[in-house]
Amino acid sequence: MSTSTRFLRLLSLLQTHRYWSGDELAQRLDVSLRTVRRDIDRLRDLGYPVQADRGVGGGYQLASGTALPPLVLDDEEAVALVVALQSTVHGGSSALAEAALRAMGKVVPVLPARLRKRAQALTASTVPLNSQSCTADPVDPTVLVALAQACRDHERIAFEYKDAKGAATSRRVEPLQLVNVGNRYYLVAFDLDRDDWRSFRVDRAQNPSPRALRFTPRPVPGGDAAGFVRAALRGSGQQEMSARIHAISEKLEPLIGRWFQIKQIDANSCLVRTENMDLRWAAFGLAMSEARISDVQPQELSALLDSWSSNLAYQNPS
């Protein structure tokens, strides 16, 4: 076992938060007790708060610290972390999803290529129970992270892109913002070759290549990236769905704010809107509001809700 491998193995053992005697650690690592003590000192120098209790029953333990030192993960833990973060990006609350995306931006770039491929394969082959958050076209985490970082750093980026008909093109853009609509992410960016604004489905982008060229962000048409995406979706034939929910926006935001645009229209009700081709997904989202619903559009969505309501109506067998 090399020195670096042994050091990482020691830290992994200590992170289980149980006491290890020096002899146990030496046996696990196949080294002398003196080497264990030297490696423990090295961990402390790096900022890891390793406690040492002497006497019978004593040993070493990694204590909780006031600051987070650099994390050390083995291959399986790294892959699990990326998959979990990506699940949160797609299925968590808005604030949690944004935090998960920032965390991915720190973790994914330092993963070896083989681990990134494993994480991508596992994500693509796993269907979450909350299926309204899943999509048949999973996003490559490396692509999502690269685009997010380019938006953050105001850095030009190039990527390969396939449109709805499968035609492949190369794009050079000045990225502005990522927008989550329903179960997909869209990149709002100024297309340098077309000299115009565009929105790109992130799951259709491949091989992102940052250009290391900074730019000053241009004003997006309408002044709102989310509004620009919504307008583009309507123009592409996606049907707008809306409903009146008899509840206040403060209650609805944590329940369905990730999937619907919410506007308070009076003291006791809100107008909610979304664009999505899947009526069942929209119906499920409305049901998640846990409130009375009226004025549903289009008619097909209203009929689906009526059907669900009839089928799910509880009847006492007595």
C-alpha atoms as a PDB file:
ATOM      1  CA  MET A   1       0.000   0.000   0.000  1.00  0.00           C
ATOM      2  CA  SER A   2       1.478   3.366  -1.020  1.00  0.00           C
ATOM      3  CA  THR A   3       1.821   6.210   1.482  1.00  0.00           C
ATOM      4  CA  SER A   4      -0.969   8.261  -0.119  1.00  0.00           C
ATOM      5  CA  THR A   5      -3.296   5.254  -0.316  1.00  0.00           C
ATOM      6  CA  ARG A   6      -2.604   4.381   3.330  1.00  0.00           C
ATOM      7  CA  PHE A   7      -3.217   7.982   4.389  1.00  0.00           C
ATOM      8  CA  LEU A   8      -6.585   8.090   2.636  1.00  0.00           C
ATOM      9  CA  ARG A   9      -7.512   4.711   4.105  1.00  0.00           C
ATOM     10  CA  LEU A  10      -6.712   5.972   7.609  1.00  0.00           C
ATOM     11  CA  LEU A  11      -8.890   9.029   7.146  1.00  0.00           C
ATOM     12  CA  SER A  12     -11.705   6.885   5.776  1.00  0.00           C
ATOM     13  CA  LEU A  13     -11.582   4.678   8.875  1.00  0.00           C
ATOM     14  CA  LEU A  14     -11.584   7.661  11.231  1.00  0.00           C
ATOM     15  CA  GLN A  15     -14.562   9.199   9.440  1.00  0.00           C
ATOM     16  CA  THR A  16     -16.761   6.344  10.678  1.00  0.00           C
ATOM     17  CA  HIS A  17     -16.776   8.257  14.003  1.00  0.00           C
ATOM     18  CA  ARG A  18     -15.925   5.284  16.232  1.00  0.00           C
ATOM     19  CA  TYR A  19     -12.927   4.819  18.431  1.00  0.00           C
ATOM     20  CA  TRP A  20      -9.998   2.928  16.947  1.00  0.00           C
ATOM     21  CA  SER A  21      -7.128   1.728  19.054  1.00  0.00           C
ATOM     22  CA  GLY A  22      -3.670   2.262  17.670  1.00  0.00           C
ATOM     23  CA  ASP A  23      -3.189  -1.497  17.355  1.00  0.00           C
ATOM     24  CA  GLU A  24      -6.456  -1.859  15.382  1.00  0.00           C
ATOM     25  CA  LEU A  25      -5.446   0.877  12.959  1.00  0.00           C
ATOM     26  CA  ALA A  26      -1.973  -0.592  12.561  1.00  0.00           C
ATOM     27  CA  GLN A  27      -3.486  -4.000  11.786  1.00  0.00           C
ATOM     28  CA  ARG A  28      -5.995  -2.562   9.301  1.00  0.00           C
ATOM     29  CA  LEU A  29      -3.301  -0.578   7.518  1.00  0.00           C
ATOM     30  CA  ASP A  30      -0.595  -3.236   7.857  1.00  0.00           C
ATOM     31  CA  VAL A  31       1.912  -0.781   9.321  1.00  0.00           C
ATOM     32  CA  SER A  32       3.642  -0.197  12.655  1.00  0.00           C
ATOM     33  CA  LEU A  33       2.068   1.698  15.543  1.00  0.00           C
ATOM     34  CA  ARG A  34       4.721   4.364  15.082  1.00  0.00           C
ATOM     35  CA  THR A  35       3.577   4.933  11.472  1.00  0.00           C
ATOM     36  CA  VAL A  36      -0.030   5.275  12.656  1.00  0.00           C
ATOM     37  CA  ARG A  37       0.997   7.967  15.140  1.00  0.00           C
ATOM     38  CA  ARG A  38       2.938   9.828  12.433  1.00  0.00           C
ATOM     39  CA  ASP A  39      -0.050   9.732  10.059  1.00  0.00           C
ATOM     40  CA  ILE A  40      -2.363  10.959  12.835  1.00  0.00           C
ATOM     41  CA  ASP A  41      -0.052  13.942  13.360  1.00  0.00           C
ATOM     42  CA  ARG A  42      -0.160  14.647   9.631  1.00  0.00           C
ATOM     43  CA  LEU A  43      -3.956  14.696   9.705  1.00  0.00           C
ATOM     44  CA  ARG A  44      -3.910  17.188  12.551  1.00  0.00           C
ATOM     45  CA  ASP A  45      -1.517  19.418  10.618  1.00  0.00           C
ATOM     46  CA  LEU A  46      -4.064  19.488   7.788  1.00  0.00           C
ATOM     47  CA  GLY A  47      -6.801  20.628  10.152  1.00  0.00           C
ATOM     48  CA  TYR A  48      -8.597  17.389  10.970  1.00  0.00           C
ATOM     49  CA  PRO A  49      -9.511  17.351  14.698  1.00  0.00           C
ATOM     50  CA  VAL A  50      -8.354  13.858  15.673  1.00  0.00           C
ATOM     51  CA  GLN A  51      -8.901  13.093  19.362  1.00  0.00           C
ATOM     52  CA  ALA A  52      -6.633  10.657  21.191  1.00  0.00           C
ATOM     53  CA  ASP A  53      -7.625   9.065  24.502  1.00  0.00           C
ATOM     54  CA  ARG A  54      -4.955   7.206  26.425  1.00  0.00           C
ATOM     55  CA  GLY A  55      -5.368   4.236  28.717  1.00  0.00           C
ATOM     56  CA  VAL A  56      -7.614   1.157  28.650  1.00  0.00           C
ATOM     57  CA  GLY A  57     -10.430   1.585  26.142  1.00  0.00           C
ATOM     58  CA  GLY A  58      -8.795   4.640  24.635  1.00  0.00           C
ATOM     59  CA  GLY A  59      -8.008   5.263  21.017  1.00  0.00           C
ATOM     60  CA  TYR A  60      -8.338   7.665  18.134  1.00  0.00           C
ATOM     61  CA  GLN A  61     -11.490   9.338  16.844  1.00  0.00           C
ATOM     62  CA  LEU A  62     -12.242  12.109  14.352  1.00  0.00           C
ATOM     63  CA  ALA A  63     -14.086  14.786  16.317  1.00  0.00           C
ATOM     64  CA  SER A  64     -16.594  17.291  15.020  1.00  0.00           C
ATOM     65  CA  GLY A  65     -14.831  20.508  14.063  1.00  0.00           C
ATOM     66  CA  THR A  66     -15.871  24.126  13.711  1.00  0.00           C
ATOM     67  CA  ALA A  67     -14.687  24.149  10.091  1.00  0.00           C
ATOM     68  CA  LEU A  68     -14.867  21.574   7.315  1.00  0.00           C
ATOM     69  CA  PRO A  69     -11.427  20.316   6.222  1.00  0.00           C
ATOM     70  CA  PRO A  70     -10.922  18.889   2.732  1.00  0.00           C
ATOM     71  CA  LEU A  71     -13.076  15.803   2.220  1.00  0.00           C
ATOM     72  CA  VAL A  72     -11.536  12.501   1.224  1.00  0.00           C
ATOM     73  CA  LEU A  73     -13.826  10.057  -0.582  1.00  0.00           C
ATOM     74  CA  ASP A  74     -13.191   6.640  -2.017  1.00  0.00           C
ATOM     75  CA  ASP A  75     -14.478   5.759  -5.505  1.00  0.00           C
ATOM     76  CA  GLU A  76     -17.858   4.416  -4.397  1.00  0.00           C
ATOM     77  CA  GLU A  77     -18.501   7.372  -2.074  1.00  0.00           C
ATOM     78  CA  ALA A  78     -17.619   9.897  -4.795  1.00  0.00           C
ATOM     79  CA  VAL A  79     -19.997   8.310  -7.300  1.00  0.00           C
ATOM     80  CA  ALA A  80     -22.780   8.113  -4.701  1.00  0.00           C
ATOM     81  CA  LEU A  81     -22.276  11.775  -3.811  1.00  0.00           C
ATOM     82  CA  VAL A  82     -22.572  12.973  -7.419  1.00  0.00           C
ATOM     83  CA  VAL A  83     -25.689  10.860  -8.038  1.00  0.00           C
ATOM     84  CA  ALA A  84     -27.311  12.129  -4.835  1.00  0.00           C
ATOM     85  CA  LEU A  85     -26.508  15.742  -5.664  1.00  0.00           C
ATOM     86  CA  GLN A  86     -27.905  15.392  -9.176  1.00  0.00           C
ATOM     87  CA  SER A  87     -31.105  13.857  -7.784  1.00  0.00           C
ATOM     88  CA  THR A  88     -31.446  16.884  -5.506  1.00  0.00           C
ATOM     89  CA  VAL A  89     -30.805  19.262  -8.413  1.00  0.00           C
ATOM     90  CA  HIS A  90     -33.729  17.753 -10.314  1.00  0.00           C
ATOM     91  CA  GLY A  91     -36.099  16.902  -7.499  1.00  0.00           C
ATOM     92  CA  GLY A  92     -35.437  19.131  -4.496  1.00  0.00           C
ATOM     93  CA  SER A  93     -36.836  22.479  -3.462  1.00  0.00           C
ATOM     94  CA  SER A  94     -35.545  25.508  -5.357  1.00  0.00           C
ATOM     95  CA  ALA A  95     -33.080  26.575  -2.651  1.00  0.00           C
ATOM     96  CA  LEU A  96     -31.833  23.043  -2.060  1.00  0.00           C
ATOM     97  CA  ALA A  97     -31.471  22.397  -5.789  1.00  0.00           C
ATOM     98  CA  GLU A  98     -29.360  25.533  -6.226  1.00  0.00           C
ATOM     99  CA  ALA A  99     -27.125  24.502  -3.313  1.00  0.00           C
ATOM    100  CA  ALA A 100     -26.756  21.014  -4.792  1.00  0.00           C
ATOM    101  CA  LEU A 101     -25.782  22.493  -8.150  1.00  0.00           C
ATOM    102  CA  ARG A 102     -23.110  24.629  -6.478  1.00  0.00           C
ATOM    103  CA  ALA A 103     -21.804  21.550  -4.667  1.00  0.00           C
ATOM    104  CA  MET A 104     -21.685  19.627  -7.954  1.00  0.00           C
ATOM    105  CA  GLY A 105     -19.639  22.472  -9.370  1.00  0.00           C
ATOM    106  CA  LYS A 106     -16.985  21.735  -6.752  1.00  0.00           C
ATOM    107  CA  VAL A 107     -17.102  17.928  -6.799  1.00  0.00           C
ATOM    108  CA  VAL A 108     -17.533  16.937 -10.453  1.00  0.00           C
ATOM    109  CA  PRO A 109     -14.521  18.824 -11.919  1.00  0.00           C
ATOM    110  CA  VAL A 110     -12.081  16.981  -9.640  1.00  0.00           C
ATOM    111  CA  LEU A 111     -13.426  13.485 -10.347  1.00  0.00           C
ATOM    112  CA  PRO A 112     -11.365  11.206 -12.604  1.00  0.00           C
ATOM    113  CA  ALA A 113     -13.008  10.575 -15.982  1.00  0.00           C
ATOM    114  CA  ARG A 114     -13.823   6.963 -15.105  1.00  0.00           C
ATOM    115  CA  LEU A 115     -15.774   8.063 -12.010  1.00  0.00           C
ATOM    116  CA  ARG A 116     -17.677  10.732 -13.943  1.00  0.00           C
ATOM    117  CA  LYS A 117     -18.746   8.043 -16.424  1.00  0.00           C
ATOM    118  CA  ARG A 118     -19.857   5.759 -13.602  1.00  0.00           C
ATOM    119  CA  ALA A 119     -21.916   8.525 -12.023  1.00  0.00           C
ATOM    120  CA  GLN A 120     -23.505   9.382 -15.379  1.00  0.00           C
ATOM    121  CA  ALA A 121     -24.360   5.741 -16.080  1.00  0.00           C
ATOM    122  CA  LEU A 122     -25.893   5.216 -12.654  1.00  0.00           C
ATOM    123  CA  THR A 123     -27.970   8.384 -12.906  1.00  0.00           C
ATOM    124  CA  ALA A 124     -29.223   7.461 -16.381  1.00  0.00           C
ATOM    125  CA  SER A 125     -30.272   3.967 -15.328  1.00  0.00           C
ATOM    126  CA  THR A 126     -32.019   4.923 -12.083  1.00  0.00           C
ATOM    127  CA  VAL A 127     -35.660   6.030 -11.942  1.00  0.00           C
ATOM    128  CA  PRO A 128     -36.619   8.027  -8.829  1.00  0.00           C
ATOM    129  CA  LEU A 129     -39.858   7.205  -7.019  1.00  0.00           C
ATOM    130  CA  ASN A 130     -41.094  10.763  -7.449  1.00  0.00           C
ATOM    131  CA  SER A 131     -41.346  10.215 -11.201  1.00  0.00           C
ATOM    132  CA  GLN A 132     -42.646  13.715 -11.899  1.00  0.00           C
ATOM    133  CA  SER A 133     -39.040  14.831 -11.427  1.00  0.00           C
ATOM    134  CA  CYS A 134     -37.487  12.356 -13.837  1.00  0.00           C
ATOM    135  CA  THR A 135     -37.004  12.647 -17.539  1.00  0.00           C
ATOM    136  CA  ALA A 136     -36.308  10.206 -20.328  1.00  0.00           C
ATOM    137  CA  ASP A 137     -33.300  12.361 -21.245  1.00  0.00           C
ATOM    138  CA  PRO A 138     -31.040  12.610 -18.171  1.00  0.00           C
ATOM    139  CA  VAL A 139     -28.542  15.444 -17.956  1.00  0.00           C
ATOM    140  CA  ASP A 140     -24.834  14.643 -17.959  1.00  0.00           C
ATOM    141  CA  PRO A 141     -23.588  16.129 -14.651  1.00  0.00           C
ATOM    142  CA  THR A 142     -20.345  17.286 -16.264  1.00  0.00           C
ATOM    143  CA  VAL A 143     -22.319  19.278 -18.844  1.00  0.00           C
ATOM    144  CA  LEU A 144     -24.606  20.815 -16.229  1.00  0.00           C
ATOM    145  CA  VAL A 145     -21.677  21.808 -14.039  1.00  0.00           C
ATOM    146  CA  ALA A 146     -19.644  23.240 -16.930  1.00  0.00           C
ATOM    147  CA  LEU A 147     -22.565  25.420 -18.049  1.00  0.00           C
ATOM    148  CA  ALA A 148     -23.311  26.537 -14.488  1.00  0.00           C
ATOM    149  CA  GLN A 149     -19.695  27.566 -13.948  1.00  0.00           C
ATOM    150  CA  ALA A 150     -19.585  29.426 -17.259  1.00  0.00           C
ATOM    151  CA  CYS A 151     -22.717  31.352 -16.231  1.00  0.00           C
ATOM    152  CA  ARG A 152     -21.207  32.149 -12.853  1.00  0.00           C
ATOM    153  CA  ASP A 153     -17.832  33.252 -14.247  1.00  0.00           C
ATOM    154  CA  HIS A 154     -19.234  35.123 -17.314  1.00  0.00           C
ATOM    155  CA  GLU A 155     -17.049  32.952 -19.517  1.00  0.00           C
ATOM    156  CA  ARG A 156     -17.737  32.009 -23.136  1.00  0.00           C
ATOM    157  CA  ILE A 157     -18.295  28.321 -23.763  1.00  0.00           C
ATOM    158  CA  ALA A 158     -18.717  26.046 -26.784  1.00  0.00           C
ATOM    159  CA  PHE A 159     -20.653  22.788 -26.974  1.00  0.00           C
ATOM    160  CA  GLU A 160     -22.230  20.350 -29.400  1.00  0.00           C
ATOM    161  CA  TYR A 161     -26.018  20.520 -29.585  1.00  0.00           C
ATOM    162  CA  LYS A 162     -28.807  18.415 -31.087  1.00  0.00           C
ATOM    163  CA  ASP A 163     -32.112  20.104 -31.827  1.00  0.00           C
ATOM    164  CA  ALA A 164     -35.570  18.517 -31.546  1.00  0.00           C
ATOM    165  CA  LYS A 165     -35.118  16.867 -34.976  1.00  0.00           C
ATOM    166  CA  GLY A 166     -31.742  15.402 -34.040  1.00  0.00           C
ATOM    167  CA  ALA A 167     -29.672  17.754 -36.204  1.00  0.00           C
ATOM    168  CA  ALA A 168     -26.229  18.313 -34.666  1.00  0.00           C
ATOM    169  CA  THR A 169     -24.544  21.721 -34.571  1.00  0.00           C
ATOM    170  CA  SER A 170     -21.644  23.389 -32.800  1.00  0.00           C
ATOM    171  CA  ARG A 171     -22.508  26.408 -30.660  1.00  0.00           C
ATOM    172  CA  ARG A 172     -20.387  29.214 -29.228  1.00  0.00           C
ATOM    173  CA  VAL A 173     -22.282  31.215 -26.635  1.00  0.00           C
ATOM    174  CA  GLU A 174     -22.138  33.766 -23.867  1.00  0.00           C
ATOM    175  CA  PRO A 175     -24.128  31.942 -21.165  1.00  0.00           C
ATOM    176  CA  LEU A 176     -26.387  33.972 -18.896  1.00  0.00           C
ATOM    177  CA  GLN A 177     -28.407  31.659 -16.681  1.00  0.00           C
ATOM    178  CA  LEU A 178     -29.755  28.146 -16.199  1.00  0.00           C
ATOM    179  CA  VAL A 179     -33.539  27.960 -15.896  1.00  0.00           C
ATOM    180  CA  ASN A 180     -35.436  24.988 -14.491  1.00  0.00           C
ATOM    181  CA  VAL A 181     -38.830  24.379 -16.112  1.00  0.00           C
ATOM    182  CA  GLY A 182     -40.724  21.363 -14.855  1.00  0.00           C
ATOM    183  CA  ASN A 183     -38.339  18.433 -15.166  1.00  0.00           C
ATOM    184  CA  ARG A 184     -35.718  20.003 -17.451  1.00  0.00           C
ATOM    185  CA  TYR A 185     -32.931  22.572 -17.377  1.00  0.00           C
ATOM    186  CA  TYR A 186     -32.539  25.213 -20.089  1.00  0.00           C
ATOM    187  CA  LEU A 187     -29.520  27.413 -20.751  1.00  0.00           C
ATOM    188  CA  VAL A 188     -30.267  31.010 -21.718  1.00  0.00           C
ATOM    189  CA  ALA A 189     -27.347  32.343 -23.734  1.00  0.00           C
ATOM    190  CA  PHE A 190     -26.360  34.742 -26.504  1.00  0.00           C
ATOM    191  CA  ASP A 191     -25.407  32.682 -29.567  1.00  0.00           C
ATOM    192  CA  LEU A 192     -22.299  34.315 -31.038  1.00  0.00           C
ATOM    193  CA  ASP A 193     -22.577  32.706 -34.482  1.00  0.00           C
ATOM    194  CA  ARG A 194     -26.278  33.557 -34.879  1.00  0.00           C
ATOM    195  CA  ASP A 195     -25.960  36.960 -33.213  1.00  0.00           C
ATOM    196  CA  ASP A 196     -29.121  36.387 -31.210  1.00  0.00           C
ATOM    197  CA  TRP A 197     -30.447  35.022 -27.934  1.00  0.00           C
ATOM    198  CA  ARG A 198     -31.296  31.327 -27.646  1.00  0.00           C
ATOM    199  CA  SER A 199     -32.451  28.835 -25.017  1.00  0.00           C
ATOM    200  CA  PHE A 200     -30.906  25.354 -25.087  1.00  0.00           C
ATOM    201  CA  ARG A 201     -32.127  22.171 -23.447  1.00  0.00           C
ATOM    202  CA  VAL A 202     -29.182  21.052 -21.326  1.00  0.00           C
ATOM    203  CA  ASP A 203     -29.869  17.338 -21.893  1.00  0.00           C
ATOM    204  CA  ARG A 204     -29.217  17.922 -25.616  1.00  0.00           C
ATOM    205  CA  ALA A 205     -25.805  19.529 -25.061  1.00  0.00           C
ATOM    206  CA  GLN A 206     -22.547  17.569 -25.169  1.00  0.00           C
ATOM    207  CA  ASN A 207     -18.802  18.121 -24.849  1.00  0.00           C
ATOM    208  CA  PRO A 208     -18.782  21.590 -23.271  1.00  0.00           C
ATOM    209  CA  SER A 209     -15.535  23.467 -23.814  1.00  0.00           C
ATOM    210  CA  PRO A 210     -14.937  26.675 -21.804  1.00  0.00           C
ATOM    211  CA  ARG A 211     -13.074  29.278 -23.864  1.00  0.00           C
ATOM    212  CA  ALA A 212     -11.405  31.171 -20.994  1.00  0.00           C
ATOM    213  CA  LEU A 213     -12.729  34.398 -22.523  1.00  0.00           C
ATOM    214  CA  ARG A 214     -14.611  36.660 -20.127  1.00  0.00           C
ATOM    215  CA  PHE A 215     -17.500  38.842 -21.300  1.00  0.00           C
ATOM    216  CA  THR A 216     -19.827  41.504 -19.971  1.00  0.00           C
ATOM    217  CA  PRO A 217     -23.355  40.054 -19.784  1.00  0.00           C
ATOM    218  CA  ARG A 218     -25.849  41.507 -22.253  1.00  0.00           C
ATOM    219  CA  PRO A 219     -29.428  42.312 -21.205  1.00  0.00           C
ATOM    220  CA  VAL A 220     -31.710  39.399 -22.065  1.00  0.00           C
ATOM    221  CA  PRO A 221     -34.891  40.308 -24.001  1.00  0.00           C
ATOM    222  CA  GLY A 222     -37.616  41.117 -21.513  1.00  0.00           C
ATOM    223  CA  GLY A 223     -35.067  41.421 -18.723  1.00  0.00           C
ATOM    224  CA  ASP A 224     -35.876  37.973 -17.299  1.00  0.00           C
ATOM    225  CA  ALA A 225     -34.204  34.684 -18.264  1.00  0.00           C
ATOM    226  CA  ALA A 226     -37.100  32.569 -16.958  1.00  0.00           C
ATOM    227  CA  GLY A 227     -39.603  34.635 -18.920  1.00  0.00           C
ATOM    228  CA  PHE A 228     -37.453  34.268 -22.047  1.00  0.00           C
ATOM    229  CA  VAL A 229     -37.557  30.467 -21.721  1.00  0.00           C
ATOM    230  CA  ARG A 230     -41.311  30.437 -21.137  1.00  0.00           C
ATOM    231  CA  ALA A 231     -41.857  32.558 -24.246  1.00  0.00           C
ATOM    232  CA  ALA A 232     -39.619  30.256 -26.283  1.00  0.00           C
ATOM    233  CA  LEU A 233     -41.529  27.176 -25.108  1.00  0.00           C
ATOM    234  CA  ARG A 234     -44.843  28.700 -26.075  1.00  0.00           C
ATOM    235  CA  GLY A 235     -43.444  29.571 -29.475  1.00  0.00           C
ATOM    236  CA  SER A 236     -42.270  25.986 -29.974  1.00  0.00           C
ATOM    237  CA  GLY A 237     -45.785  24.624 -29.577  1.00  0.00           C
ATOM    238  CA  GLN A 238     -45.728  23.606 -25.919  1.00  0.00           C
ATOM    239  CA  GLN A 239     -49.126  24.196 -24.404  1.00  0.00           C
ATOM    240  CA  GLU A 240     -49.499  26.468 -21.407  1.00  0.00           C
ATOM    241  CA  MET A 241     -51.345  24.976 -18.465  1.00  0.00           C
ATOM    242  CA  SER A 242     -52.914  27.079 -15.752  1.00  0.00           C
ATOM    243  CA  ALA A 243     -55.256  26.875 -12.795  1.00  0.00           C
ATOM    244  CA  ARG A 244     -56.600  28.886  -9.912  1.00  0.00           C
ATOM    245  CA  ILE A 245     -55.559  27.439  -6.552  1.00  0.00           C
ATOM    246  CA  HIS A 246     -57.440  28.625  -3.501  1.00  0.00           C
ATOM    247  CA  ALA A 247     -54.472  29.197  -1.221  1.00  0.00           C
ATOM    248  CA  ILE A 248     -51.947  31.965  -0.610  1.00  0.00           C
ATOM    249  CA  SER A 249     -48.605  32.051  -2.389  1.00  0.00           C
ATOM    250  CA  GLU A 250     -46.638  31.617   0.872  1.00  0.00           C
ATOM    251  CA  LYS A 251     -48.218  28.191   1.273  1.00  0.00           C
ATOM    252  CA  LEU A 252     -47.858  27.197  -2.379  1.00  0.00           C
ATOM    253  CA  GLU A 253     -44.251  28.228  -2.967  1.00  0.00           C
ATOM    254  CA  PRO A 254     -42.645  25.414  -0.904  1.00  0.00           C
ATOM    255  CA  LEU A 255     -45.105  22.852  -2.291  1.00  0.00           C
ATOM    256  CA  ILE A 256     -45.160  23.554  -6.032  1.00  0.00           C
ATOM    257  CA  GLY A 257     -43.034  26.650  -6.600  1.00  0.00           C
ATOM    258  CA  ARG A 258     -40.316  24.583  -8.262  1.00  0.00           C
ATOM    259  CA  TRP A 259     -42.680  23.529 -11.062  1.00  0.00           C
ATOM    260  CA  PHE A 260     -45.201  26.380 -11.376  1.00  0.00           C
ATOM    261  CA  GLN A 261     -45.113  30.132 -11.789  1.00  0.00           C
ATOM    262  CA  ILE A 262     -47.296  31.467  -8.953  1.00  0.00           C
ATOM    263  CA  LYS A 263     -49.102  34.812  -8.903  1.00  0.00           C
ATOM    264  CA  GLN A 264     -51.313  35.976  -6.028  1.00  0.00           C
ATOM    265  CA  ILE A 265     -54.564  37.277  -7.553  1.00  0.00           C
ATOM    266  CA  ASP A 266     -56.613  37.997  -4.397  1.00  0.00           C
ATOM    267  CA  ALA A 267     -56.400  37.478  -0.653  1.00  0.00           C
ATOM    268  CA  ASN A 268     -57.220  33.774  -0.831  1.00  0.00           C
ATOM    269  CA  SER A 269     -56.148  32.430  -4.221  1.00  0.00           C
ATOM    270  CA  CYS A 270     -53.350  32.301  -6.775  1.00  0.00           C
ATOM    271  CA  LEU A 271     -52.999  31.777 -10.518  1.00  0.00           C
ATOM    272  CA  VAL A 272     -50.404  29.122 -11.358  1.00  0.00           C
ATOM    273  CA  ARG A 273     -48.910  28.448 -14.784  1.00  0.00           C
ATOM    274  CA  THR A 274     -46.512  25.990 -16.365  1.00  0.00           C
ATOM    275  CA  GLU A 275     -45.552  24.665 -19.789  1.00  0.00           C
ATOM    276  CA  ASN A 276     -45.246  20.928 -20.195  1.00  0.00           C
ATOM    277  CA  MET A 277     -46.361  18.339 -22.723  1.00  0.00           C
ATOM    278  CA  ASP A 278     -47.191  15.751 -20.052  1.00  0.00           C
ATOM    279  CA  LEU A 279     -50.704  16.358 -18.690  1.00  0.00           C
ATOM    280  CA  ARG A 280     -50.216  13.775 -15.965  1.00  0.00           C
ATOM    281  CA  TRP A 281     -47.182  15.601 -14.624  1.00  0.00           C
ATOM    282  CA  ALA A 282     -49.147  18.883 -14.464  1.00  0.00           C
ATOM    283  CA  ALA A 283     -52.090  17.163 -12.757  1.00  0.00           C
ATOM    284  CA  PHE A 284     -49.799  15.645 -10.161  1.00  0.00           C
ATOM    285  CA  GLY A 285     -48.221  19.023  -9.500  1.00  0.00           C
ATOM    286  CA  LEU A 286     -51.620  20.626  -8.958  1.00  0.00           C
ATOM    287  CA  ALA A 287     -52.585  17.841  -6.557  1.00  0.00           C
ATOM    288  CA  MET A 288     -49.417  18.567  -4.570  1.00  0.00           C
ATOM    289  CA  SER A 289     -50.843  22.005  -3.726  1.00  0.00           C
ATOM    290  CA  GLU A 290     -53.161  20.374  -1.148  1.00  0.00           C
ATOM    291  CA  ALA A 291     -55.814  22.999  -1.871  1.00  0.00           C
ATOM    292  CA  ARG A 292     -59.038  23.451  -3.853  1.00  0.00           C
ATOM    293  CA  ILE A 293     -58.477  23.949  -7.585  1.00  0.00           C
ATOM    294  CA  SER A 294     -60.661  25.709 -10.186  1.00  0.00           C
ATOM    295  CA  ASP A 295     -60.484  27.408 -13.612  1.00  0.00           C
ATOM    296  CA  VAL A 296     -58.183  24.716 -15.013  1.00  0.00           C
ATOM    297  CA  GLN A 297     -56.852  25.142 -18.559  1.00  0.00           C
ATOM    298  CA  PRO A 298     -56.653  23.479 -21.041  1.00  0.00           C
ATOM    299  CA  GLN A 299     -59.809  21.379 -21.065  1.00  0.00           C
ATOM    300  CA  GLU A 300     -57.796  18.164 -21.409  1.00  0.00           C
ATOM    301  CA  LEU A 301     -56.090  18.863 -18.072  1.00  0.00           C
ATOM    302  CA  SER A 302     -59.411  19.634 -16.429  1.00  0.00           C
ATOM    303  CA  ALA A 303     -60.855  16.347 -17.726  1.00  0.00           C
ATOM    304  CA  LEU A 304     -57.854  14.420 -16.431  1.00  0.00           C
ATOM    305  CA  LEU A 305     -58.257  15.933 -12.963  1.00  0.00           C
ATOM    306  CA  ASP A 306     -61.974  15.063 -13.001  1.00  0.00           C
ATOM    307  CA  SER A 307     -61.104  11.489 -13.902  1.00  0.00           C
ATOM    308  CA  TRP A 308     -58.514  11.232 -11.139  1.00  0.00           C
ATOM    309  CA  SER A 309     -60.910  12.742  -8.629  1.00  0.00           C
ATOM    310  CA  SER A 310     -63.601  10.213  -9.542  1.00  0.00           C
ATOM    311  CA  ASN A 311     -61.249   7.244  -9.485  1.00  0.00           C
ATOM    312  CA  LEU A 312     -59.648   8.227  -6.189  1.00  0.00           C
ATOM    313  CA  ALA A 313     -62.860   9.149  -4.369  1.00  0.00           C
ATOM    314  CA  TYR A 314     -63.000   7.109  -1.179  1.00  0.00           C
ATOM    315  CA  GLN A 315     -66.165   5.150  -0.516  1.00  0.00           C
ATOM    316  CA  ASN A 316     -66.757   3.583   2.867  1.00  0.00           C
ATOM    317  CA  PRO A 317     -67.458  -0.124   2.220  1.00  0.00           C
ATOM    318  CA  SER A 318     -70.017  -0.121   5.029  1.00  0.00           C
END
